[in-house]
Protein backbone atom coordinates (compact mmCIF):
# COMPACT_ATOMS: atom_id res chain seq x y z
CA UNK A 1 36.94 34.75 28.52
CA UNK A 2 35.45 36.67 25.49
CA UNK A 3 32.07 38.81 26.65
CA UNK A 4 29.54 36.62 25.39
CA UNK A 5 31.69 34.01 27.67
CA UNK A 6 31.07 36.31 30.56
CA UNK A 7 27.37 37.21 29.35
CA UNK A 8 26.16 33.61 28.65
CA UNK A 9 27.41 32.68 32.53
CA UNK A 10 25.82 35.20 33.95
CA UNK A 11 22.40 34.30 32.23
CA UNK A 12 22.97 30.52 33.45
CA UNK A 13 23.84 31.49 37.18
CA UNK A 14 20.65 33.86 36.85
CA UNK A 15 18.66 30.24 35.77
CA UNK A 16 20.22 28.09 38.63
CA UNK A 17 19.07 30.85 40.91
CA UNK A 18 15.52 30.99 39.79
CA UNK A 19 15.59 26.75 39.71
CA UNK A 20 16.88 26.88 42.89
CA UNK A 21 14.21 29.53 44.38
CA UNK A 22 11.47 27.67 43.65
CA UNK A 23 13.31 23.93 43.92
CA UNK A 24 13.78 23.03 40.50
CA UNK A 25 16.21 21.92 38.94
CA UNK A 26 17.97 24.17 36.43
CA UNK A 27 19.07 21.18 34.26
CA UNK A 28 15.42 20.50 33.18
CA UNK A 29 15.54 24.45 31.93
CA UNK A 30 16.80 24.65 28.05
CA UNK A 31 18.43 28.01 27.46
CA UNK A 32 17.55 28.90 23.83
CA UNK A 33 20.10 32.06 22.58
CA UNK A 34 17.83 34.56 20.72
CA UNK A 35 20.48 35.36 17.82
CA UNK A 36 17.92 37.30 15.12
CA UNK A 37 20.13 40.21 13.82
CA UNK A 38 23.48 38.73 14.86
CA UNK A 39 26.24 38.08 12.99
CA UNK A 40 27.64 34.58 12.53
CA UNK A 41 30.59 35.57 14.15
CA UNK A 42 28.80 36.04 17.50
CA UNK A 43 27.07 33.02 17.33
CA UNK A 44 30.28 31.09 17.04
CA UNK A 45 31.22 32.71 19.91
CA UNK A 46 28.55 31.38 21.53
CA UNK A 47 28.78 28.01 20.39
CA UNK A 48 32.44 27.90 21.89
CA UNK A 49 31.00 28.86 24.73
CA UNK A 50 29.02 25.89 25.14
CA UNK A 51 25.38 27.25 23.29
CA UNK A 52 23.83 24.46 20.70
CA UNK A 53 20.31 26.19 20.50
CA UNK A 54 19.38 29.35 18.92
CA UNK A 55 16.50 31.26 18.08
CA UNK A 56 16.05 33.58 14.85
CA UNK A 57 12.84 35.40 13.70
CA UNK A 58 13.58 36.43 10.42
CA UNK A 59 13.30 33.85 7.47
CA UNK A 60 15.54 35.33 4.77
CA UNK A 61 18.27 36.12 7.08
CA UNK A 62 18.44 32.90 9.20
CA UNK A 63 18.31 30.63 6.52
CA UNK A 64 21.59 32.62 5.73
CA UNK A 65 23.07 32.68 8.49
CA UNK A 66 22.00 28.31 8.65
CA UNK A 67 24.19 27.64 5.46
CA UNK A 68 27.07 29.69 6.14
CA UNK A 69 27.31 27.73 9.61
CA UNK A 70 27.13 24.03 7.82
CA UNK A 71 30.06 25.28 5.81
CA UNK A 72 32.08 26.58 8.51
CA UNK A 73 34.21 23.64 9.61
CA UNK A 74 34.67 25.59 13.03
CA UNK A 75 31.09 24.44 13.88
CA UNK A 76 32.19 20.54 14.84
CA UNK A 77 28.89 19.89 16.17
CA UNK A 78 25.20 19.99 14.92
CA UNK A 79 23.16 23.69 15.58
CA UNK A 80 19.56 23.32 16.72
CA UNK A 81 17.56 25.96 15.64
CA UNK A 82 14.66 27.58 16.12
CA UNK A 83 12.04 29.77 14.61
CA UNK A 84 10.37 32.18 16.72
CA UNK A 85 9.08 34.94 14.78
CA UNK A 86 5.70 34.87 12.62
CA UNK A 87 5.68 33.15 9.73
CA UNK A 88 3.71 34.07 6.49
CA UNK A 89 2.29 31.03 4.44
CA UNK A 90 5.24 32.43 1.41
CA UNK A 91 7.96 31.61 3.53
CA UNK A 92 7.13 28.48 5.13
CA UNK A 93 9.15 25.97 2.88
CA UNK A 94 12.74 27.67 3.63
CA UNK A 95 12.15 27.14 7.16
CA UNK A 96 10.35 23.26 6.67
CA UNK A 97 13.13 22.63 5.35
CA UNK A 98 16.26 24.19 7.21
CA UNK A 99 14.60 24.29 10.96
CA UNK A 100 14.41 21.64 13.77
CA UNK A 101 11.75 23.47 15.76
CA UNK A 102 9.22 26.04 15.01
CA UNK A 103 7.43 27.68 17.79
CA UNK A 104 5.11 30.52 16.58
CA UNK A 105 2.94 28.36 15.29
CA UNK A 106 -1.47 29.88 15.49
CA UNK A 107 -2.97 29.17 12.84
CA UNK A 108 -3.54 25.72 11.13
CA UNK A 109 -2.86 26.52 7.74
CA UNK A 110 0.95 27.52 8.52
CA UNK A 111 1.24 24.35 10.13
CA UNK A 112 -0.27 22.35 7.17
CA UNK A 113 1.97 24.00 4.59
CA UNK A 114 5.36 23.12 7.48
CA UNK A 115 3.70 19.61 6.73
CA UNK A 116 3.37 19.09 3.30
CA UNK A 117 6.98 20.76 3.00
CA UNK A 118 9.31 18.89 5.51
CA UNK A 119 11.89 17.14 3.40
CA UNK A 120 11.12 13.20 4.26
CA UNK A 121 14.87 12.63 5.03
CA UNK A 122 14.58 14.68 7.93
CA UNK A 123 13.11 14.10 11.29
CA UNK A 124 9.69 15.37 11.83
CA UNK A 125 9.48 19.48 12.67
CA UNK A 126 9.26 20.61 16.08
CA UNK A 127 6.52 22.30 17.03
CA UNK A 128 5.40 24.74 19.31
CA UNK A 129 1.70 26.42 19.44
CA UNK A 130 1.69 30.44 20.36
CA UNK A 131 -0.77 31.92 22.46
CA UNK A 132 -1.86 35.39 22.56
CA UNK A 133 -1.69 34.93 26.48
CA UNK A 134 -2.20 38.36 27.72
CA UNK A 135 -4.94 38.91 24.26
CA UNK A 136 -3.00 42.22 23.25
CA UNK A 137 -4.27 43.11 19.15
CA UNK A 138 -0.73 43.34 18.20
CA UNK A 139 0.89 40.05 19.29
CA UNK A 140 0.46 36.76 16.92
CA UNK A 141 -0.99 33.67 19.17
CA UNK A 142 -4.15 31.45 19.33
CA UNK A 143 -6.30 31.88 22.09
CA UNK A 144 -6.28 29.46 25.58
CA UNK A 145 -9.83 28.76 24.78
CA UNK A 146 -8.55 27.64 21.09
CA UNK A 147 -5.44 25.86 21.86
CA UNK A 148 -6.41 22.33 22.52
CA UNK A 149 -8.39 22.17 18.80
CA UNK A 150 -5.24 23.37 17.05
CA UNK A 151 -3.33 20.94 19.03
CA UNK A 152 -5.51 18.23 17.66
CA UNK A 153 -5.08 18.99 14.32
CA UNK A 154 -1.61 19.31 14.48
CA UNK A 155 -0.58 15.98 16.38
CA UNK A 156 -2.16 14.38 13.32
CA UNK A 157 0.09 15.66 10.80
CA UNK A 158 2.96 13.31 10.06
CA UNK A 159 6.05 15.15 9.45
CA UNK A 160 5.39 17.18 12.68
CA UNK A 161 5.73 16.72 16.25
CA UNK A 162 3.48 18.57 18.72
CA UNK A 163 6.07 19.77 21.63
CA UNK A 164 4.63 22.10 23.21
CA UNK A 165 3.49 25.96 23.55
CA UNK A 166 5.26 29.40 23.55
CA UNK A 167 4.27 32.67 24.53
CA UNK A 168 5.04 36.47 24.67
CA UNK A 169 3.87 37.96 27.69
CA UNK A 170 2.87 41.30 27.70
CA UNK A 171 5.21 44.07 28.69
CA UNK A 172 4.69 45.02 32.88
CA UNK A 173 5.69 46.41 35.71
CA UNK A 174 2.90 43.92 37.84
CA UNK A 175 4.55 40.92 38.39
CA UNK A 176 1.18 39.23 40.08
CA UNK A 177 -0.58 40.38 36.85
CA UNK A 178 2.76 38.88 34.34
CA UNK A 179 2.88 35.74 37.20
CA UNK A 180 -0.84 35.04 36.61
CA UNK A 181 -0.24 34.95 32.60
CA UNK A 182 2.64 32.62 33.10
CA UNK A 183 0.46 30.18 35.41
CA UNK A 184 -2.61 30.19 32.73
CA UNK A 185 -0.25 29.04 30.40
CA UNK A 186 1.50 26.52 32.68
CA UNK A 187 -2.09 25.30 33.25
CA UNK A 188 -2.88 24.81 29.37
CA UNK A 189 0.48 23.21 29.06
CA UNK A 190 -0.39 20.47 31.80
CA UNK A 191 -3.69 19.98 30.20
CA UNK A 192 -1.86 19.39 26.98
CA UNK A 193 0.83 17.36 29.06
CA UNK A 194 -2.39 14.93 29.62
CA UNK A 195 -3.22 14.42 26.34
CA UNK A 196 -0.06 14.09 24.34
CA UNK A 197 2.89 12.25 26.04
CA UNK A 198 5.47 13.88 24.16
CA UNK A 199 5.04 17.34 25.07
CA UNK A 200 7.45 18.92 27.04
CA UNK A 201 8.22 22.38 26.03
CA UNK A 202 6.91 25.16 27.50
CA UNK A 203 8.63 28.32 26.29
CA UNK A 204 8.11 31.02 28.36
CA UNK A 205 10.63 33.78 29.29
CA UNK A 206 13.18 36.46 28.12
CA UNK A 207 15.28 38.51 29.09
CA UNK A 208 13.19 40.50 31.44
CA UNK A 209 11.38 38.29 33.43
CA UNK A 210 13.23 34.63 33.57
CA UNK A 211 13.02 34.70 37.17
CA UNK A 212 9.00 35.00 37.28
CA UNK A 213 8.91 32.39 33.71
CA UNK A 214 10.76 29.78 35.36
CA UNK A 215 8.91 30.18 39.05
CA UNK A 216 5.55 29.35 37.09
CA UNK A 217 7.12 25.96 35.09
CA UNK A 218 8.62 27.50 32.20
CA UNK A 219 11.32 24.37 30.64
CA UNK A 220 12.50 27.01 28.08
CA UNK A 221 13.56 30.49 27.95
CA UNK A 222 14.64 32.82 25.14
CA UNK A 223 17.40 34.92 26.03
CA UNK A 224 18.58 37.62 23.81
CA UNK A 225 19.92 41.00 25.28
CA UNK A 226 20.81 39.88 27.79
CA UNK A 227 23.91 36.92 26.36
CA UNK A 228 24.40 39.00 22.70
CA UNK A 229 23.32 42.89 23.60
CA UNK A 230 21.15 44.90 22.78
CA UNK A 231 19.32 44.53 19.49
CA UNK A 232 21.04 45.53 15.90
């Protein structure tokens, strides 16, 4: 067993334990492996350990990896690629052409560009709206008060499919404060579910706050360090 396999097993056990603590089904929580800055060789190890969902932050780096993997015969099954970083207007085309998901939509302008640039032969691009749940000036994301309006705009775009919301909470040791932010996000997620039947994704929780995120209703956790080690 490789080190990557061991670490994936550890993460899977953490997810199962956190779900069990709040009487949730661990199978309803998607593990998204955050592979930004990591080489294809490590992604391949994660693939052979059973992972198929990978998150990337940097456009040029990720496109090179996606192309390389498509040409690698070792990858017999398709991978699902999630763009989870800030996205600038001048970089939307390659993301629209190569990714399956974009989880970092905070402006309608970016959604419009992705819709216009999504190739007709591909399925609609899955979209999560990024919410700046902590209100930090250094973080991307729309505000809670703007989520419903942005969701309405995005849901009208034919080459996009609104799937849910994503957030990166503030770094804090105050668990009560953290879970309050997660609960607020969960509430707006439930509101969106009531408006749009296809909404099924609440992407929150990373290596350091996985347990709280699952407690508060996360359906997808984004794990990088605990799988691949510290960022390069």
